[in-house]
Amino acid sequence: MTPGEDGSVRRPNLVLVIADQWRAGCLGFLGEDPVRTPALDELAEKSRVLTQAVSNYPVCSPCRAMLMTGRYPYGNGVHLNVNSATAELGVGLRPETRCWSDVLADEGYALGYIGKWHLEAPVPADAAAGEGVREDGRVWDAYTAPDRRHGFGFWYSHGCCDDHARPHYWTGDAPREAPVRVDQWSAEHETDVALSFLDGAARDYHRGGTPFALVLSYNPPHQPFDQVPQRYLDGYSTRSARELLTRPNVDWDRPEAAEAARAAPSYYAAVTGVDHQIGRVLAALDEHRLTGDTFVVFTSDHGMQLGSHGLMYKNVPYEESMRVPFLVSRPGHVPPGRDDLLLSSPDVAPTVLGLLGVADAIVEGTQGRDLSGALLAPPGDRGAVRPGAALYLGPAAGPGDPDIRGLRTRTHKLVAAYAPEGTVAVRLFDLAADPYERTDVVADRSAQAVALAAALTGELDRTGDPWPGRSALAAWTARARKQTEDPGQASRGAAR
């Protein structure tokens, strides 16, 4: 709470920026990927930078649902990406599920949502009104009716439109049949809209004390990669593939490496372009004298492999997919510095409410943890809640695919892949010694794997996850424990 011009006590504001498919290493100040992010570099100097923030289910809709609700996928209705095919399975954000935005609307906040939503299940009418049917035969884009917008009074959004060069948006009370179509790079246009929103919000805040919360949800740097303004490509397009794909786990022998090499200049250019737009938002907060009264949060829904481990995209348990950027800033309130706080996607909703001073209104049934205490304390403080582990969720995408679960601590990651025939394959990575996850050490660390497997089962129980691999993992654990207790058993069994 801060005093207003009239002496009244005012609640802080929120600007939450989400960039789609922006991996944690794509921050210039970290020195991981060779990318330029001057605006975020400057913001980082006065932010808490979480170096181990995790997307528990690194794909668009499931992560976004967790961010909004504070609940894991089987508690919020979004356990797969939302499109016309999964809509037939009932996948979509349940309208009765309360989000952090519903809480803030009840608390008198003015709420705005700009950009990608991707939580509404498409209906047949959306095919003609929005993006249309994609090559996979599915409709991904969807109109969200006003009574399903979870408290957001200002609405300038699409469901899932991957046309960055000519985006469309449903606005206000406009019907499904009347989206606004724009000839402008989507990130730039959405920033223009955000600046207009902030003009009015600043006026209402300073004159009447009405707090606001704005979500700015950019689709880039998500593909298509060829739709980025040329001005951001300068400096990337002339660099070689090995100058851009510098991570030592890039598998140059796989065809995905060639695809990644083609995409990298545009992917990094889109990152730089979005960074430029974020800089415009930060400048507007300064101009409107809102910086000291506003929590600014920057994150993404998931990362991207970009050739690492011979993979191109996301939804796998590797760090390039799982680890996401997470910066929190409010000068004078959030002590800056780097922090290994292990934040999970469902932690965002209760943490936002905690930061804004309404922790007592956290929704019943929330499974994420309020980590605002840790963010408001100095980075080295260990008195607040600091989770010791984060889940990885990778439900089978189709028949025959493995159904994967994992547990990530600050130093290790256990991954258990359950196959349809009833077997489970378990891997263990030492993230401290092997941050690029090139060596599976489960054979040499049985006791540690057994402990992590037990912790994984406990977290799945806590979150209500119906993973079918429980019994197979229990059997694996029993064998591994027995081998740990009698290391010679395996060799004697082989001799017999």
Protein backbone atom coordinates (compact mmCIF):
# COMPACT_ATOMS: atom_id res chain seq x y z
CA MET A 1 0.00 0.00 0.00
CA THR A 2 1.24 3.52 -0.84
CA PRO A 3 -0.19 6.96 -0.03
CA GLY A 4 -1.94 8.72 -2.92
CA GLU A 5 -1.89 12.40 -3.83
CA ASP A 6 -4.97 12.96 -1.68
CA GLY A 7 -3.44 11.15 1.30
CA SER A 8 -5.43 7.95 0.79
CA VAL A 9 -3.75 4.56 0.93
CA ARG A 10 -3.65 2.90 -2.48
CA ARG A 11 -3.09 -0.61 -3.56
CA PRO A 12 -0.22 -1.42 -5.91
CA ASN A 13 -0.73 -2.17 -9.59
CA LEU A 14 0.42 -5.10 -11.70
CA VAL A 15 1.83 -5.41 -15.20
CA LEU A 16 2.35 -9.06 -16.13
CA VAL A 17 4.15 -9.63 -19.43
CA ILE A 18 4.09 -13.14 -20.92
CA ALA A 19 6.11 -13.97 -24.03
CA ASP A 20 5.32 -17.24 -25.79
CA GLN A 21 8.13 -19.80 -26.11
CA TRP A 22 10.87 -17.58 -24.65
CA ARG A 23 13.42 -19.82 -22.97
CA ALA A 24 15.29 -18.75 -19.85
CA GLY A 25 18.65 -18.53 -21.58
CA CYS A 26 17.37 -15.82 -23.94
CA LEU A 27 18.26 -12.95 -21.63
CA GLY A 28 21.31 -10.99 -22.67
CA PHE A 29 22.52 -10.27 -19.15
CA LEU A 30 22.74 -14.00 -18.35
CA GLY A 31 25.30 -14.61 -21.09
CA GLU A 32 23.78 -17.94 -22.15
CA ASP A 33 22.25 -17.45 -25.61
CA PRO A 34 23.83 -14.83 -27.94
CA VAL A 35 20.84 -12.52 -27.86
CA ARG A 36 20.34 -8.77 -27.29
CA THR A 37 17.76 -7.74 -24.69
CA PRO A 38 18.74 -4.22 -23.55
CA ALA A 39 15.37 -3.35 -21.97
CA LEU A 40 15.23 -6.51 -19.87
CA ASP A 41 18.92 -6.18 -19.04
CA GLU A 42 18.17 -2.78 -17.55
CA LEU A 43 15.03 -4.06 -15.79
CA ALA A 44 17.04 -6.94 -14.31
CA GLU A 45 19.29 -4.51 -12.46
CA LYS A 46 16.33 -3.48 -10.30
CA SER A 47 14.49 -6.83 -10.30
CA ARG A 48 14.50 -10.11 -8.47
CA VAL A 49 15.70 -12.49 -11.17
CA LEU A 50 14.61 -16.07 -10.57
CA THR A 51 17.21 -18.28 -12.20
CA GLN A 52 15.30 -21.52 -11.60
CA ALA A 53 11.70 -20.67 -12.46
CA VAL A 54 10.01 -23.66 -14.08
CA SER A 55 7.22 -24.29 -16.56
CA ASN A 56 5.88 -27.54 -15.14
CA TYR A 57 4.06 -28.50 -18.34
CA PRO A 58 6.00 -26.65 -21.05
CA VAL A 59 3.31 -26.18 -23.66
CA CYS A 60 0.97 -23.22 -24.19
CA SER A 61 -2.51 -23.93 -22.80
CA PRO A 62 -1.66 -26.12 -19.78
CA CYS A 63 0.94 -23.65 -18.55
CA ARG A 64 -1.29 -20.62 -19.06
CA ALA A 65 -4.10 -22.30 -17.15
CA MET A 66 -1.75 -22.97 -14.25
CA LEU A 67 -0.53 -19.36 -14.30
CA MET A 68 -4.09 -18.05 -14.13
CA THR A 69 -5.65 -20.51 -11.67
CA GLY A 70 -2.89 -21.66 -9.32
CA ARG A 71 -4.03 -25.23 -9.95
CA TYR A 72 -2.41 -28.11 -11.80
CA PRO A 73 -3.94 -29.35 -15.08
CA TYR A 74 -6.26 -31.99 -13.67
CA GLY A 75 -7.68 -29.38 -11.30
CA ASN A 76 -8.37 -26.66 -13.88
CA GLY A 77 -9.56 -28.63 -16.91
CA VAL A 78 -6.59 -27.94 -19.21
CA HIS A 79 -4.45 -31.08 -19.34
CA LEU A 80 -3.78 -30.78 -23.09
CA ASN A 81 -3.35 -27.92 -25.54
CA VAL A 82 -6.72 -26.38 -26.35
CA ASN A 83 -7.98 -26.88 -29.91
CA SER A 84 -11.03 -28.28 -31.68
CA ALA A 85 -9.86 -31.89 -31.26
CA THR A 86 -9.14 -31.69 -27.53
CA ALA A 87 -12.33 -29.65 -27.01
CA GLU A 88 -14.20 -32.88 -27.75
CA LEU A 89 -12.45 -34.33 -24.69
CA GLY A 90 -13.64 -31.44 -22.52
CA VAL A 91 -10.30 -29.61 -22.50
CA GLY A 92 -10.65 -25.89 -21.79
CA LEU A 93 -10.55 -23.51 -18.86
CA ARG A 94 -13.65 -24.13 -16.82
CA PRO A 95 -15.69 -20.91 -16.49
CA GLU A 96 -16.46 -21.66 -12.83
CA THR A 97 -12.75 -21.95 -11.99
CA ARG A 98 -11.65 -18.79 -10.21
CA CYS A 99 -8.47 -17.15 -11.46
CA TRP A 100 -6.36 -14.54 -9.71
CA SER A 101 -8.01 -12.03 -12.05
CA ASP A 102 -11.47 -12.91 -10.70
CA VAL A 103 -10.18 -12.15 -7.22
CA LEU A 104 -8.73 -8.78 -8.24
CA ALA A 105 -11.93 -7.82 -10.04
CA ASP A 106 -13.81 -8.46 -6.79
CA GLU A 107 -11.21 -6.31 -5.01
CA GLY A 108 -11.96 -3.33 -7.26
CA TYR A 109 -9.07 -3.60 -9.71
CA ALA A 110 -9.43 -2.45 -13.31
CA LEU A 111 -8.24 -5.40 -15.37
CA GLY A 112 -6.95 -5.54 -18.94
CA TYR A 113 -5.92 -8.47 -21.12
CA ILE A 114 -4.07 -7.94 -24.40
CA GLY A 115 -2.82 -10.67 -26.75
CA LYS A 116 -2.86 -14.44 -26.71
CA TRP A 117 -5.30 -16.23 -24.36
CA HIS A 118 -5.45 -19.84 -25.68
CA LEU A 119 -7.65 -21.17 -22.90
CA GLU A 120 -11.04 -21.19 -24.62
CA ALA A 121 -12.24 -24.34 -26.39
CA PRO A 122 -13.07 -23.54 -30.04
CA VAL A 123 -16.59 -24.05 -31.36
CA PRO A 124 -17.42 -24.60 -35.06
CA ALA A 125 -18.30 -20.93 -35.58
CA ASP A 126 -14.74 -19.92 -34.65
CA ALA A 127 -13.36 -21.51 -37.82
CA ALA A 128 -15.02 -18.89 -40.01
CA ALA A 129 -14.59 -15.94 -37.63
CA GLY A 130 -10.97 -16.29 -36.56
CA GLU A 131 -7.81 -17.86 -37.89
CA GLY A 132 -9.60 -20.76 -39.57
CA VAL A 133 -8.66 -24.42 -39.92
CA ARG A 134 -4.94 -25.22 -39.87
CA GLU A 135 -3.10 -27.79 -41.94
CA ASP A 136 -3.54 -30.33 -39.13
CA GLY A 137 -7.32 -30.11 -39.65
CA ARG A 138 -7.86 -28.44 -36.28
CA VAL A 139 -9.13 -25.05 -35.19
CA TRP A 140 -6.84 -23.49 -32.60
CA ASP A 141 -8.17 -19.94 -32.45
CA ALA A 142 -11.28 -19.18 -30.39
CA TYR A 143 -13.53 -16.32 -29.37
CA THR A 144 -14.00 -15.81 -25.62
CA ALA A 145 -17.41 -14.46 -24.63
CA PRO A 146 -17.49 -11.57 -22.11
CA ASP A 147 -18.89 -13.79 -19.36
CA ARG A 148 -15.93 -16.17 -19.71
CA ARG A 149 -13.13 -13.58 -19.39
CA HIS A 150 -12.49 -14.05 -15.69
CA GLY A 151 -12.80 -10.46 -14.56
CA PHE A 152 -10.95 -8.73 -17.39
CA GLY A 153 -13.04 -5.69 -18.26
CA PHE A 154 -10.71 -4.50 -21.01
CA TRP A 155 -10.32 -7.28 -23.57
CA TYR A 156 -8.18 -7.11 -26.71
CA SER A 157 -7.34 -10.71 -27.40
CA HIS A 158 -7.27 -13.68 -29.73
CA GLY A 159 -7.42 -17.32 -28.78
CA CYS A 160 -4.43 -18.67 -30.66
CA CYS A 161 -3.59 -16.88 -33.90
CA ASP A 162 -0.12 -17.53 -35.27
CA ASP A 163 -0.18 -14.76 -37.87
CA HIS A 164 2.23 -12.23 -36.36
CA ALA A 165 2.23 -10.04 -39.45
CA ARG A 166 -1.56 -9.67 -39.73
CA PRO A 167 -3.08 -10.50 -36.36
CA HIS A 168 -6.69 -10.20 -35.32
CA TYR A 169 -8.33 -9.50 -31.97
CA TRP A 170 -11.73 -9.71 -30.37
CA THR A 171 -12.40 -6.52 -28.43
CA GLY A 172 -14.91 -5.36 -25.86
CA ASP A 173 -18.46 -6.42 -26.64
CA ALA A 174 -17.80 -7.05 -30.35
CA PRO A 175 -19.39 -10.31 -31.47
CA ARG A 176 -17.56 -13.40 -32.63
CA GLU A 177 -18.14 -12.43 -36.26
CA ALA A 178 -16.38 -9.06 -35.94
CA PRO A 179 -12.72 -9.39 -34.96
CA VAL A 180 -10.41 -6.43 -35.55
CA ARG A 181 -7.79 -7.27 -38.21
CA VAL A 182 -4.51 -5.38 -38.18
CA ASP A 183 -1.62 -4.92 -40.63
CA GLN A 184 1.14 -4.50 -38.05
CA TRP A 185 3.57 -6.78 -36.23
CA SER A 186 1.51 -8.24 -33.40
CA ALA A 187 3.95 -7.41 -30.58
CA GLU A 188 4.19 -3.80 -31.69
CA HIS A 189 0.44 -3.42 -32.09
CA GLU A 190 -0.30 -4.99 -28.74
CA THR A 191 2.16 -2.62 -27.11
CA ASP A 192 0.39 0.33 -28.74
CA VAL A 193 -2.86 -0.92 -27.20
CA ALA A 194 -1.15 -1.43 -23.84
CA LEU A 195 0.16 2.15 -23.84
CA SER A 196 -3.35 3.41 -24.50
CA PHE A 197 -4.65 1.29 -21.62
CA LEU A 198 -1.95 2.68 -19.32
CA ASP A 199 -2.86 6.25 -20.26
CA GLY A 200 -6.35 5.77 -18.87
CA ALA A 201 -5.29 3.54 -16.00
CA ALA A 202 -2.73 6.09 -14.80
CA ARG A 203 -5.31 8.84 -14.86
CA ASP A 204 -7.79 6.77 -12.86
CA TYR A 205 -5.10 5.67 -10.42
CA HIS A 206 -3.76 9.13 -9.67
CA ARG A 207 -7.15 10.84 -9.54
CA GLY A 208 -9.38 8.22 -8.02
CA GLY A 209 -7.04 5.60 -6.57
CA THR A 210 -8.33 2.76 -8.75
CA PRO A 211 -5.58 0.12 -9.01
CA PHE A 212 -5.10 -1.83 -12.24
CA ALA A 213 -3.72 -5.14 -13.42
CA LEU A 214 -2.66 -5.55 -17.03
CA VAL A 215 -1.64 -8.77 -18.76
CA LEU A 216 0.31 -8.26 -21.99
CA SER A 217 0.58 -11.65 -23.66
CA TYR A 218 2.85 -11.60 -26.72
CA ASN A 219 2.82 -14.47 -29.22
CA PRO A 220 6.38 -13.96 -30.60
CA PRO A 221 8.99 -15.41 -30.36
CA HIS A 222 6.71 -18.41 -31.03
CA GLN A 223 6.71 -19.58 -34.63
CA PRO A 224 6.19 -18.77 -37.50
CA PHE A 225 9.75 -17.53 -37.41
CA ASP A 226 9.67 -15.70 -40.73
CA GLN A 227 7.27 -13.01 -39.46
CA VAL A 228 9.59 -10.61 -37.66
CA PRO A 229 10.44 -7.06 -38.79
CA GLN A 230 13.72 -6.77 -40.68
CA ARG A 231 15.04 -4.12 -38.28
CA TYR A 232 15.36 -6.76 -35.55
CA LEU A 233 17.09 -9.27 -37.82
CA ASP A 234 20.12 -7.02 -38.24
CA GLY A 235 23.01 -8.51 -36.32
CA TYR A 236 21.65 -12.06 -36.38
CA SER A 237 21.15 -12.90 -40.06
CA THR A 238 24.87 -12.65 -40.86
CA ARG A 239 26.01 -14.94 -38.04
CA SER A 240 26.74 -18.62 -38.56
CA ALA A 241 24.64 -21.40 -37.07
CA ARG A 242 27.36 -22.35 -34.61
CA GLU A 243 27.69 -18.73 -33.50
CA LEU A 244 23.97 -18.69 -32.67
CA LEU A 245 23.41 -22.22 -31.37
CA THR A 246 26.14 -22.25 -28.76
CA ARG A 247 24.74 -24.71 -26.24
CA PRO A 248 26.99 -27.80 -26.05
CA ASN A 249 24.01 -30.17 -26.16
CA VAL A 250 22.97 -29.18 -29.69
CA ASP A 251 23.03 -32.40 -31.70
CA TRP A 252 24.50 -31.37 -35.05
CA ASP A 253 24.00 -34.86 -36.49
CA ARG A 254 20.21 -34.65 -36.29
CA PRO A 255 18.06 -33.02 -39.02
CA GLU A 256 16.52 -30.79 -36.35
CA ALA A 257 19.86 -29.00 -36.11
CA ALA A 258 19.47 -27.73 -39.67
CA GLU A 259 15.92 -26.61 -38.89
CA ALA A 260 17.15 -24.87 -35.74
CA ALA A 261 19.94 -23.18 -37.69
CA ARG A 262 17.39 -21.75 -40.11
CA ALA A 263 15.10 -20.58 -37.30
CA ALA A 264 17.68 -19.18 -34.87
CA PRO A 265 18.25 -15.76 -36.47
CA SER A 266 14.53 -15.03 -36.60
CA TYR A 267 13.86 -16.49 -33.15
CA TYR A 268 16.51 -14.30 -31.56
CA ALA A 269 15.35 -11.34 -33.64
CA ALA A 270 11.81 -11.79 -32.31
CA VAL A 271 13.22 -11.91 -28.77
CA THR A 272 15.00 -8.61 -29.39
CA GLY A 273 11.85 -7.16 -30.94
CA VAL A 274 9.68 -8.12 -27.99
CA ASP A 275 12.34 -6.75 -25.65
CA HIS A 276 12.06 -3.42 -27.49
CA GLN A 277 8.29 -3.41 -26.93
CA ILE A 278 8.75 -4.19 -23.24
CA GLY A 279 11.05 -1.19 -23.06
CA ARG A 280 8.22 0.98 -24.37
CA VAL A 281 5.93 -0.29 -21.62
CA LEU A 282 8.53 0.39 -18.92
CA ALA A 283 9.08 3.91 -20.29
CA ALA A 284 5.32 4.54 -20.13
CA LEU A 285 5.22 3.48 -16.48
CA ASP A 286 8.00 5.97 -15.75
CA GLU A 287 6.26 8.70 -17.74
CA HIS A 288 3.00 8.19 -15.84
CA ARG A 289 4.75 8.09 -12.44
CA LEU A 290 3.60 4.50 -11.91
CA THR A 291 6.90 2.63 -11.58
CA GLY A 292 7.08 2.88 -7.80
CA ASP A 293 3.46 1.75 -7.45
CA THR A 294 3.54 -1.15 -9.89
CA PHE A 295 4.79 -4.71 -9.71
CA VAL A 296 6.23 -5.61 -13.11
CA VAL A 297 6.56 -9.33 -13.83
CA PHE A 298 8.12 -10.77 -16.97
CA THR A 299 7.94 -14.48 -17.78
CA SER A 300 6.96 -16.97 -20.48
CA ASP A 301 4.77 -20.05 -20.75
CA HIS A 302 7.64 -22.35 -21.77
CA GLY A 303 10.95 -22.43 -23.57
CA MET A 304 12.21 -24.07 -26.75
CA GLN A 305 14.83 -26.73 -27.58
CA LEU A 306 16.17 -25.07 -30.76
CA GLY A 307 18.39 -28.05 -31.62
CA SER A 308 19.35 -29.06 -28.09
CA HIS A 309 19.15 -32.85 -27.62
CA GLY A 310 18.23 -33.12 -31.29
CA LEU A 311 14.83 -31.52 -30.71
CA MET A 312 13.25 -28.37 -32.08
CA TYR A 313 10.30 -27.26 -29.98
CA LYS A 314 9.01 -27.90 -26.44
CA ASN A 315 6.91 -30.15 -24.20
CA VAL A 316 9.89 -32.25 -23.13
CA PRO A 317 11.56 -32.44 -19.69
CA TYR A 318 14.83 -30.77 -20.73
CA GLU A 319 15.90 -27.42 -19.30
CA GLU A 320 15.60 -25.60 -22.62
CA SER A 321 11.85 -26.30 -22.51
CA MET A 322 11.22 -26.25 -18.76
CA ARG A 323 13.21 -23.29 -17.48
CA VAL A 324 11.62 -19.89 -18.10
CA PRO A 325 12.61 -16.29 -17.42
CA PHE A 326 11.05 -14.70 -14.35
CA LEU A 327 11.76 -11.11 -13.34
CA VAL A 328 9.85 -9.24 -10.63
CA SER A 329 10.36 -5.54 -10.04
CA ARG A 330 8.95 -2.84 -7.81
CA PRO A 331 11.59 -0.38 -6.65
CA GLY A 332 11.66 0.01 -2.91
CA HIS A 333 9.64 -3.15 -2.32
CA VAL A 334 11.31 -6.06 -4.15
CA PRO A 335 15.01 -6.23 -3.22
CA PRO A 336 16.91 -6.83 -6.49
CA GLY A 337 19.31 -9.66 -7.16
CA ARG A 338 19.52 -13.18 -8.51
CA ASP A 339 17.64 -15.87 -6.64
CA ASP A 340 17.42 -19.66 -7.03
CA LEU A 341 13.83 -19.69 -5.77
CA LEU A 342 12.23 -22.74 -7.43
CA LEU A 343 8.99 -21.18 -8.64
CA SER A 344 6.43 -23.37 -10.45
CA SER A 345 3.69 -22.26 -12.83
CA PRO A 346 0.82 -22.67 -10.30
CA ASP A 347 2.76 -20.56 -7.79
CA VAL A 348 2.23 -17.47 -9.94
CA ALA A 349 -1.47 -16.95 -9.11
CA PRO A 350 -1.18 -17.00 -5.29
CA THR A 351 2.12 -15.11 -5.45
CA VAL A 352 0.54 -12.31 -7.49
CA LEU A 353 -2.24 -11.99 -4.92
CA GLY A 354 0.32 -12.03 -2.12
CA LEU A 355 2.38 -9.28 -3.73
CA LEU A 356 -0.73 -7.12 -4.16
CA GLY A 357 -1.65 -7.51 -0.51
CA VAL A 358 -4.70 -9.75 -0.92
CA ALA A 359 -3.23 -13.07 0.20
CA ASP A 360 -6.27 -13.58 2.39
CA ALA A 361 -8.33 -13.84 -0.80
CA ILE A 362 -6.31 -16.69 -2.34
CA VAL A 363 -8.80 -19.09 -3.84
CA GLU A 364 -9.72 -22.20 -1.89
CA GLY A 365 -8.24 -25.26 -3.57
CA THR A 366 -5.20 -23.40 -4.90
CA GLN A 367 -2.34 -25.87 -5.25
CA GLY A 368 0.44 -23.38 -5.94
CA ARG A 369 2.33 -21.68 -3.15
CA ASP A 370 2.36 -17.99 -2.28
CA LEU A 371 6.04 -17.08 -2.70
CA SER A 372 5.55 -13.34 -2.24
CA GLY A 373 7.29 -13.50 1.13
CA ALA A 374 10.46 -14.78 -0.51
CA LEU A 375 10.28 -12.11 -3.23
CA LEU A 376 9.80 -9.27 -0.77
CA ALA A 377 12.69 -10.47 1.41
CA PRO A 378 16.37 -10.07 0.47
CA PRO A 379 17.61 -12.75 -1.98
CA GLY A 380 19.67 -14.53 0.67
CA ASP A 381 16.83 -14.73 3.19
CA ARG A 382 15.71 -18.29 3.87
CA GLY A 383 12.88 -17.51 6.27
CA ALA A 384 10.05 -17.48 3.75
CA VAL A 385 8.46 -20.35 1.82
CA ARG A 386 10.98 -21.78 -0.64
CA PRO A 387 9.83 -24.96 -2.43
CA GLY A 388 12.38 -27.74 -2.72
CA ALA A 389 11.09 -29.33 -5.91
CA ALA A 390 8.98 -28.76 -9.02
CA LEU A 391 6.97 -31.23 -11.07
CA TYR A 392 7.35 -31.99 -14.74
CA LEU A 393 4.15 -33.08 -16.48
CA GLY A 394 4.20 -34.66 -19.93
CA PRO A 395 0.93 -36.52 -20.58
CA ALA A 396 0.87 -38.73 -23.65
CA ALA A 397 0.04 -36.65 -26.72
CA GLY A 398 -1.43 -39.62 -28.58
CA PRO A 399 -1.81 -43.42 -28.62
CA GLY A 400 1.52 -45.16 -28.17
CA ASP A 401 3.28 -42.10 -26.74
CA PRO A 402 4.93 -42.30 -23.32
CA ASP A 403 3.18 -40.63 -20.37
CA ILE A 404 5.97 -38.79 -18.56
CA ARG A 405 6.32 -37.32 -15.10
CA GLY A 406 9.37 -35.84 -13.46
CA LEU A 407 10.66 -34.01 -10.42
CA ARG A 408 13.19 -31.19 -10.56
CA THR A 409 15.11 -29.92 -7.55
CA ARG A 410 17.69 -27.15 -7.62
CA THR A 411 20.41 -29.70 -8.30
CA HIS A 412 18.80 -32.81 -9.83
CA LYS A 413 16.04 -33.99 -12.12
CA LEU A 414 14.31 -37.37 -12.15
CA VAL A 415 12.29 -38.29 -15.26
CA ALA A 416 9.98 -41.32 -15.40
CA ALA A 417 8.49 -42.28 -18.79
CA TYR A 418 5.61 -44.76 -18.62
CA ALA A 419 5.05 -46.79 -21.79
CA PRO A 420 1.63 -48.12 -22.87
CA GLU A 421 2.81 -51.72 -22.41
CA GLY A 422 3.23 -51.03 -18.68
CA THR A 423 6.97 -50.42 -18.29
CA VAL A 424 8.68 -47.32 -16.94
CA ALA A 425 12.06 -45.89 -17.93
CA VAL A 426 13.73 -43.75 -15.28
CA ARG A 427 16.51 -41.22 -15.86
CA LEU A 428 18.40 -38.99 -13.43
CA PHE A 429 20.39 -35.87 -14.25
CA ASP A 430 22.80 -34.01 -11.99
CA LEU A 431 21.99 -30.42 -12.96
CA ALA A 432 24.77 -28.97 -10.83
CA ALA A 433 27.52 -31.01 -12.49
CA ASP A 434 25.78 -31.47 -15.86
CA PRO A 435 23.55 -28.43 -16.56
CA TYR A 436 23.06 -29.49 -20.20
CA GLU A 437 21.72 -32.92 -19.18
CA ARG A 438 24.04 -34.98 -21.34
CA THR A 439 24.60 -37.87 -18.90
CA ASP A 440 22.01 -40.10 -17.25
CA VAL A 441 23.41 -41.05 -13.81
CA VAL A 442 20.53 -43.17 -12.52
CA ALA A 443 22.63 -46.37 -12.57
CA ASP A 444 25.21 -44.82 -10.25
CA ARG A 445 22.80 -42.93 -7.94
CA SER A 446 20.13 -45.51 -7.09
CA ALA A 447 19.54 -44.28 -3.55
CA GLN A 448 19.07 -40.70 -4.70
CA ALA A 449 16.76 -41.82 -7.52
CA VAL A 450 14.66 -43.85 -5.07
CA ALA A 451 14.25 -40.82 -2.80
CA LEU A 452 13.27 -38.57 -5.70
CA ALA A 453 10.82 -41.19 -7.01
CA ALA A 454 9.10 -41.24 -3.63
CA ALA A 455 8.96 -37.43 -3.60
CA LEU A 456 7.54 -37.45 -7.14
CA THR A 457 4.75 -39.83 -6.13
CA GLY A 458 3.97 -37.61 -3.17
CA GLU A 459 3.66 -34.52 -5.36
CA LEU A 460 1.44 -36.35 -7.84
CA ASP A 461 -0.82 -37.36 -4.97
CA ARG A 462 -0.89 -33.81 -3.63
CA THR A 463 -1.89 -32.35 -6.98
CA GLY A 464 -4.45 -35.02 -7.88
CA ASP A 465 -2.60 -36.25 -10.95
CA PRO A 466 -4.02 -39.56 -12.32
CA TRP A 467 -0.71 -40.68 -13.86
CA PRO A 468 -1.05 -44.36 -14.83
CA GLY A 469 2.64 -45.09 -14.21
CA ARG A 470 2.43 -45.20 -10.41
CA SER A 471 2.52 -48.97 -10.00
CA ALA A 472 5.29 -49.35 -12.58
CA LEU A 473 7.35 -46.69 -10.81
CA ALA A 474 6.71 -48.39 -7.46
CA ALA A 475 7.99 -51.67 -8.90
CA TRP A 476 11.05 -49.93 -10.32
CA THR A 477 11.65 -48.27 -6.95
CA ALA A 478 11.46 -51.60 -5.14
CA ARG A 479 14.03 -53.13 -7.48
CA ALA A 480 16.32 -50.11 -7.22
CA ARG A 481 16.06 -50.06 -3.42
CA LYS A 482 16.87 -53.75 -3.20
CA GLN A 483 19.86 -53.27 -5.46
CA THR A 484 21.03 -50.37 -3.32
CA GLU A 485 20.80 -52.52 -0.20
CA ASP A 486 22.62 -55.41 -1.91
CA PRO A 487 24.79 -54.06 -4.76
CA GLY A 488 26.02 -57.57 -5.62
CA GLN A 489 22.56 -58.90 -6.32
CA ALA A 490 22.50 -57.75 -9.93
CA SER A 491 25.82 -59.43 -10.74
CA ARG A 492 24.83 -62.66 -8.95
CA GLY A 493 21.54 -62.67 -10.83
CA ALA A 494 23.40 -62.26 -14.09
CA ALA A 495 25.77 -65.12 -13.20
CA ARG A 496 22.85 -67.45 -12.55
